[in-house]
Amino acid sequence: MQKVDGWKLDNRSDLPWQEVQIHVNSGWTANSVVSKPAQMISMDEQTLVLVTRFPMPQGEHVRVDSQRAGGTHSVWGWIVEGREGYRVEDRERGLFLSRLSIG
């Protein structure tokens, strides 16, 4: 196991990234919400992974809107983990990955 200590695994879905809009409480006023673009790179029943050009703090409550054939689909989640991208192209583009717990 010592051979793999320090490895940074970065498993991402093979599905194409989907453009989404995220909505985050800005904290400036009681009902102030900031909307920003992001890409959803994977989603299952419990977890959603986003790529953004900015970090999102752990514990932040976020709404994610995606477009589907029937209209806009919204999912609510909490940021449980976030970090700067490990891949060279992520760092060149200033990308951050965030994992949300859906619910």
N, C-alpha and C. Protein backbone atom coordinates (compact mmCIF):
# COMPACT_ATOMS: atom_id res chain seq x y z
N MET A 1 0.81 -1.19 0.00
CA MET A 1 0.00 0.00 0.00
C MET A 1 0.86 1.26 0.00
N GLN A 2 2.09 1.17 0.45
CA GLN A 2 2.92 2.37 0.49
C GLN A 2 3.20 2.90 -0.91
N LYS A 3 3.15 2.02 -1.91
CA LYS A 3 3.40 2.44 -3.29
C LYS A 3 2.33 3.39 -3.79
N VAL A 4 1.11 3.30 -3.26
CA VAL A 4 0.01 4.14 -3.74
C VAL A 4 -0.29 5.31 -2.82
N ASP A 5 0.41 5.44 -1.70
CA ASP A 5 0.22 6.60 -0.83
C ASP A 5 0.53 7.87 -1.61
N GLY A 6 -0.35 8.83 -1.51
CA GLY A 6 -0.12 10.09 -2.20
C GLY A 6 -0.68 10.15 -3.61
N TRP A 7 -1.17 9.03 -4.14
CA TRP A 7 -1.79 9.08 -5.47
C TRP A 7 -3.03 9.93 -5.39
N LYS A 8 -3.31 10.63 -6.44
CA LYS A 8 -4.50 11.47 -6.50
C LYS A 8 -5.40 10.94 -7.61
N LEU A 9 -6.28 10.04 -7.24
CA LEU A 9 -7.19 9.46 -8.22
C LEU A 9 -8.26 10.48 -8.57
N ASP A 10 -8.60 10.57 -9.83
CA ASP A 10 -9.55 11.56 -10.31
C ASP A 10 -10.49 10.88 -11.30
N ASN A 11 -11.35 10.04 -10.79
CA ASN A 11 -12.28 9.31 -11.64
C ASN A 11 -13.42 10.23 -12.06
N ARG A 12 -13.65 10.31 -13.35
CA ARG A 12 -14.73 11.12 -13.88
C ARG A 12 -15.54 10.26 -14.84
N SER A 13 -16.80 10.58 -14.94
CA SER A 13 -17.70 9.85 -15.82
C SER A 13 -17.24 9.98 -17.27
N ASP A 14 -17.54 8.97 -18.07
CA ASP A 14 -17.25 9.03 -19.50
C ASP A 14 -18.33 9.80 -20.26
N LEU A 15 -19.42 10.14 -19.57
CA LEU A 15 -20.50 10.88 -20.21
C LEU A 15 -20.05 12.31 -20.51
N PRO A 16 -20.61 12.93 -21.54
CA PRO A 16 -20.24 14.32 -21.83
C PRO A 16 -20.69 15.24 -20.69
N TRP A 17 -19.90 16.28 -20.45
CA TRP A 17 -20.24 17.25 -19.43
C TRP A 17 -21.51 17.97 -19.84
N GLN A 18 -22.35 18.28 -18.87
CA GLN A 18 -23.60 18.98 -19.14
C GLN A 18 -23.55 20.37 -18.53
N GLU A 19 -23.88 21.38 -19.35
CA GLU A 19 -23.95 22.75 -18.86
C GLU A 19 -25.11 22.87 -17.89
N VAL A 20 -24.87 23.46 -16.72
CA VAL A 20 -25.91 23.68 -15.72
C VAL A 20 -25.76 25.10 -15.17
N GLN A 21 -26.77 25.52 -14.45
CA GLN A 21 -26.74 26.80 -13.75
C GLN A 21 -26.84 26.49 -12.27
N ILE A 22 -25.93 27.04 -11.46
CA ILE A 22 -26.01 26.82 -10.02
C ILE A 22 -26.46 28.10 -9.34
N HIS A 23 -27.15 27.94 -8.23
CA HIS A 23 -27.69 29.07 -7.48
C HIS A 23 -27.23 28.92 -6.04
N VAL A 24 -26.48 29.94 -5.58
CA VAL A 24 -25.88 29.91 -4.25
C VAL A 24 -26.30 31.16 -3.50
N ASN A 25 -26.61 31.02 -2.22
CA ASN A 25 -26.92 32.19 -1.39
C ASN A 25 -25.64 33.00 -1.23
N SER A 26 -25.70 34.29 -1.60
CA SER A 26 -24.50 35.12 -1.57
C SER A 26 -24.11 35.55 -0.16
N GLY A 27 -25.07 35.52 0.78
CA GLY A 27 -24.77 35.92 2.15
C GLY A 27 -24.82 37.42 2.36
N TRP A 28 -25.04 38.20 1.30
CA TRP A 28 -25.06 39.66 1.43
C TRP A 28 -26.36 40.15 2.04
N THR A 29 -27.48 39.54 1.63
CA THR A 29 -28.78 39.87 2.22
C THR A 29 -29.52 38.56 2.44
N ALA A 30 -30.60 38.63 3.19
CA ALA A 30 -31.32 37.42 3.58
C ALA A 30 -31.76 36.57 2.39
N ASN A 31 -32.21 37.19 1.29
CA ASN A 31 -32.72 36.42 0.16
C ASN A 31 -31.90 36.64 -1.11
N SER A 32 -30.63 36.95 -0.97
CA SER A 32 -29.77 37.21 -2.12
C SER A 32 -29.16 35.91 -2.65
N VAL A 33 -29.48 35.59 -3.90
CA VAL A 33 -28.97 34.37 -4.52
C VAL A 33 -28.15 34.75 -5.75
N VAL A 34 -26.98 34.14 -5.89
CA VAL A 34 -26.11 34.37 -7.03
C VAL A 34 -26.21 33.15 -7.95
N SER A 35 -26.40 33.39 -9.24
CA SER A 35 -26.46 32.32 -10.23
C SER A 35 -25.19 32.34 -11.06
N LYS A 36 -24.61 31.16 -11.26
CA LYS A 36 -23.37 31.06 -12.02
C LYS A 36 -23.40 29.80 -12.88
N PRO A 37 -22.69 29.82 -14.02
CA PRO A 37 -22.60 28.62 -14.85
C PRO A 37 -21.64 27.60 -14.25
N ALA A 38 -21.90 26.33 -14.56
CA ALA A 38 -21.03 25.23 -14.13
C ALA A 38 -21.24 24.09 -15.11
N GLN A 39 -20.45 23.04 -14.96
CA GLN A 39 -20.64 21.81 -15.74
C GLN A 39 -20.83 20.66 -14.76
N MET A 40 -21.83 19.83 -15.04
CA MET A 40 -22.06 18.63 -14.25
C MET A 40 -21.32 17.50 -14.96
N ILE A 41 -20.43 16.82 -14.21
CA ILE A 41 -19.65 15.76 -14.85
C ILE A 41 -20.09 14.37 -14.44
N SER A 42 -20.85 14.26 -13.36
CA SER A 42 -21.44 12.97 -13.01
C SER A 42 -22.55 13.19 -12.00
N MET A 43 -23.50 12.22 -12.01
CA MET A 43 -24.61 12.30 -11.07
C MET A 43 -25.19 10.90 -10.88
N ASP A 44 -25.49 10.56 -9.63
CA ASP A 44 -26.23 9.35 -9.34
C ASP A 44 -27.33 9.72 -8.35
N GLU A 45 -27.92 8.76 -7.68
CA GLU A 45 -29.05 9.04 -6.78
C GLU A 45 -28.65 9.87 -5.57
N GLN A 46 -27.38 9.83 -5.17
CA GLN A 46 -26.96 10.47 -3.93
C GLN A 46 -25.93 11.58 -4.11
N THR A 47 -25.24 11.60 -5.23
CA THR A 47 -24.10 12.50 -5.40
C THR A 47 -24.10 13.15 -6.77
N LEU A 48 -23.63 14.37 -6.80
CA LEU A 48 -23.48 15.11 -8.04
C LEU A 48 -22.10 15.77 -8.02
N VAL A 49 -21.38 15.75 -9.13
CA VAL A 49 -20.06 16.38 -9.19
C VAL A 49 -20.10 17.50 -10.22
N LEU A 50 -19.65 18.68 -9.78
CA LEU A 50 -19.64 19.88 -10.63
C LEU A 50 -18.22 20.35 -10.88
N VAL A 51 -18.04 20.98 -12.03
CA VAL A 51 -16.79 21.67 -12.34
C VAL A 51 -17.15 23.15 -12.48
N THR A 52 -16.38 24.00 -11.77
CA THR A 52 -16.60 25.44 -11.82
C THR A 52 -15.26 26.15 -12.01
N ARG A 53 -15.30 27.45 -12.23
CA ARG A 53 -14.08 28.26 -12.32
C ARG A 53 -13.82 29.00 -11.01
N PHE A 54 -14.46 28.55 -9.94
CA PHE A 54 -14.32 29.17 -8.63
C PHE A 54 -14.53 28.09 -7.58
N PRO A 55 -13.91 28.24 -6.42
CA PRO A 55 -14.11 27.26 -5.35
C PRO A 55 -15.47 27.48 -4.68
N MET A 56 -16.05 26.41 -4.18
CA MET A 56 -17.29 26.51 -3.41
C MET A 56 -17.02 25.93 -2.02
N PRO A 57 -17.37 26.67 -0.97
CA PRO A 57 -17.05 26.22 0.38
C PRO A 57 -17.87 25.01 0.83
N GLN A 58 -17.22 24.16 1.60
CA GLN A 58 -17.88 22.98 2.15
C GLN A 58 -19.07 23.44 2.98
N GLY A 59 -20.19 22.72 2.87
CA GLY A 59 -21.39 23.04 3.63
C GLY A 59 -22.36 23.97 2.92
N GLU A 60 -21.93 24.57 1.80
CA GLU A 60 -22.78 25.49 1.06
C GLU A 60 -23.99 24.76 0.48
N HIS A 61 -25.18 25.35 0.60
CA HIS A 61 -26.41 24.79 0.04
C HIS A 61 -26.56 25.34 -1.37
N VAL A 62 -26.73 24.47 -2.37
CA VAL A 62 -26.71 24.86 -3.77
C VAL A 62 -27.89 24.24 -4.51
N ARG A 63 -28.50 25.02 -5.40
CA ARG A 63 -29.49 24.47 -6.32
C ARG A 63 -28.84 24.37 -7.69
N VAL A 64 -29.02 23.23 -8.35
CA VAL A 64 -28.44 22.99 -9.67
C VAL A 64 -29.58 22.81 -10.66
N ASP A 65 -29.64 23.68 -11.67
CA ASP A 65 -30.67 23.61 -12.71
C ASP A 65 -30.05 23.09 -14.00
N SER A 66 -30.69 22.07 -14.58
CA SER A 66 -30.25 21.55 -15.88
C SER A 66 -31.45 21.54 -16.81
N GLN A 67 -31.16 21.59 -18.11
CA GLN A 67 -32.22 21.59 -19.11
C GLN A 67 -32.45 20.17 -19.59
N ARG A 68 -33.71 19.78 -19.61
CA ARG A 68 -34.11 18.47 -20.12
C ARG A 68 -35.22 18.68 -21.14
N ALA A 69 -35.60 17.62 -21.80
CA ALA A 69 -36.64 17.71 -22.84
C ALA A 69 -37.93 18.33 -22.30
N GLY A 70 -38.29 18.02 -21.07
CA GLY A 70 -39.52 18.53 -20.48
C GLY A 70 -39.38 19.88 -19.82
N GLY A 71 -38.21 20.50 -19.89
CA GLY A 71 -37.98 21.80 -19.26
C GLY A 71 -36.82 21.76 -18.28
N THR A 72 -36.84 22.68 -17.34
CA THR A 72 -35.76 22.80 -16.36
C THR A 72 -35.95 21.78 -15.23
N HIS A 73 -34.87 21.09 -14.89
CA HIS A 73 -34.86 20.13 -13.78
C HIS A 73 -33.95 20.68 -12.70
N SER A 74 -34.46 20.79 -11.47
CA SER A 74 -33.68 21.34 -10.35
C SER A 74 -33.37 20.26 -9.33
N VAL A 75 -32.15 20.31 -8.80
CA VAL A 75 -31.69 19.41 -7.75
C VAL A 75 -31.04 20.27 -6.67
N TRP A 76 -31.33 19.97 -5.41
CA TRP A 76 -30.71 20.66 -4.28
C TRP A 76 -29.65 19.77 -3.66
N GLY A 77 -28.55 20.38 -3.22
CA GLY A 77 -27.51 19.61 -2.57
C GLY A 77 -26.63 20.47 -1.68
N TRP A 78 -25.80 19.79 -0.91
CA TRP A 78 -24.83 20.42 -0.01
C TRP A 78 -23.43 20.07 -0.51
N ILE A 79 -22.54 21.05 -0.53
CA ILE A 79 -21.15 20.79 -0.90
C ILE A 79 -20.49 20.00 0.23
N VAL A 80 -20.07 18.77 -0.08
CA VAL A 80 -19.42 17.93 0.93
C VAL A 80 -17.90 17.88 0.72
N GLU A 81 -17.47 18.27 -0.47
CA GLU A 81 -16.03 18.26 -0.76
C GLU A 81 -15.78 19.15 -1.97
N GLY A 82 -14.70 19.90 -1.92
CA GLY A 82 -14.32 20.72 -3.05
C GLY A 82 -12.81 20.87 -3.10
N ARG A 83 -12.30 21.00 -4.31
CA ARG A 83 -10.84 21.13 -4.46
C ARG A 83 -10.52 21.67 -5.84
N GLU A 84 -9.29 22.13 -5.98
CA GLU A 84 -8.78 22.52 -7.29
C GLU A 84 -8.54 21.25 -8.10
N GLY A 85 -8.76 21.32 -9.42
CA GLY A 85 -8.52 20.17 -10.28
C GLY A 85 -7.07 19.74 -10.26
N TYR A 86 -6.83 18.43 -10.30
CA TYR A 86 -5.47 17.88 -10.29
C TYR A 86 -4.85 17.84 -11.68
N ARG A 87 -5.69 17.67 -12.69
CA ARG A 87 -5.18 17.48 -14.04
C ARG A 87 -4.55 18.77 -14.57
N VAL A 88 -3.58 18.61 -15.45
CA VAL A 88 -2.88 19.76 -16.03
C VAL A 88 -3.86 20.70 -16.71
N GLU A 89 -4.78 20.15 -17.52
CA GLU A 89 -5.75 21.00 -18.22
C GLU A 89 -6.70 21.70 -17.25
N ASP A 90 -6.98 21.08 -16.10
CA ASP A 90 -7.80 21.73 -15.08
C ASP A 90 -7.08 22.95 -14.52
N ARG A 91 -5.83 22.79 -14.21
CA ARG A 91 -5.05 23.89 -13.64
C ARG A 91 -4.85 25.02 -14.66
N GLU A 92 -4.64 24.65 -15.91
CA GLU A 92 -4.48 25.67 -16.96
C GLU A 92 -5.75 26.49 -17.13
N ARG A 93 -6.90 25.85 -16.95
CA ARG A 93 -8.19 26.53 -17.13
C ARG A 93 -8.75 27.09 -15.82
N GLY A 94 -8.06 26.86 -14.69
CA GLY A 94 -8.52 27.36 -13.40
C GLY A 94 -9.79 26.69 -12.91
N LEU A 95 -9.87 25.36 -13.05
CA LEU A 95 -11.10 24.63 -12.71
C LEU A 95 -11.06 24.05 -11.30
N PHE A 96 -12.24 24.02 -10.69
CA PHE A 96 -12.42 23.43 -9.37
C PHE A 96 -13.50 22.36 -9.47
N LEU A 97 -13.35 21.29 -8.68
CA LEU A 97 -14.35 20.22 -8.64
C LEU A 97 -15.02 20.25 -7.27
N SER A 98 -16.34 20.08 -7.28
CA SER A 98 -17.12 20.04 -6.04
C SER A 98 -18.05 18.85 -6.08
N ARG A 99 -18.11 18.13 -4.96
CA ARG A 99 -19.01 17.00 -4.83
C ARG A 99 -20.16 17.43 -3.92
N LEU A 100 -21.39 17.23 -4.40
CA LEU A 100 -22.58 17.58 -3.65
C LEU A 100 -23.30 16.32 -3.19
N SER A 101 -23.82 16.37 -1.99
CA SER A 101 -24.72 15.34 -1.50
C SER A 101 -26.13 15.82 -1.83
N ILE A 102 -26.86 15.04 -2.60
CA ILE A 102 -28.19 15.43 -3.05
C ILE A 102 -29.21 15.20 -1.94
N GLY A 103 -30.10 16.16 -1.79
CA GLY A 103 -31.18 15.96 -0.83
C GLY A 103 -31.55 17.16 -0.05
